[in-house]
Amino acid sequence: MADVSVLVVDDHAVFAEAVQARLNGEADLGPVWVAYSAAEARTLISRHRPAVLVLDLVLADGNGLDLAGYAAAESPESKVLMLTGVTSTDSVIAALRKGARGWLPKTIDADQLVQVIRRVVRGEAWLAPDLLGRILSELVVRPAEPAKLGAHSTLESVALALRAGLRSSDI
């Protein structure tokens, strides 16, 4: 795998810098930049077009959902991972619809974060199993909005296929 540039966006400096330090310890990851605000993140996204964005949902001057949408327009090749303490299913679904490839709790093990970043770079998506179960329940139980019927993201389509009993090799 070639070097994978990463932008970590979190308004908690100690947390963001700890993630940066951990990722900098991996030979295949880097450079790793940090933005402490949505405004700073927009500048760095436009300037560097990182391979992966690791975004917090809640920022002092904005939110990760808006940044995910900005990244999709400004740097469509960038993969978005949400790394946040928020676990509401509505927020997760909104992020997936904005193009996020994964949703990670801030309590995730640092080694697992590294592995998820690598998986996302390979084109995979990742949700914690308990979160995936809740999302599937929401998607199956809650009727789709009329304007969005039939319009599923790749992750939603895969999740629905798994829920229907298909094996990953069949999808």
Foldseek 3Di string as FASTA:
>chain_A
DAAFEEEEEALPVVLSVVLCVLQVVDPRYDDYHYDNALVRVLVCCLVPVGQEYEAEQDHPHHGPLVSLLSSCVRRVNHAYEYEYQDQDLVVVVSSVVSHHQEYHYVPDDSVVVNVQVVCVSVVHGDYPVVSLVVNLCCPVVPDDDVVCPPPDHPVRVVSVCVVVPDDPVVD
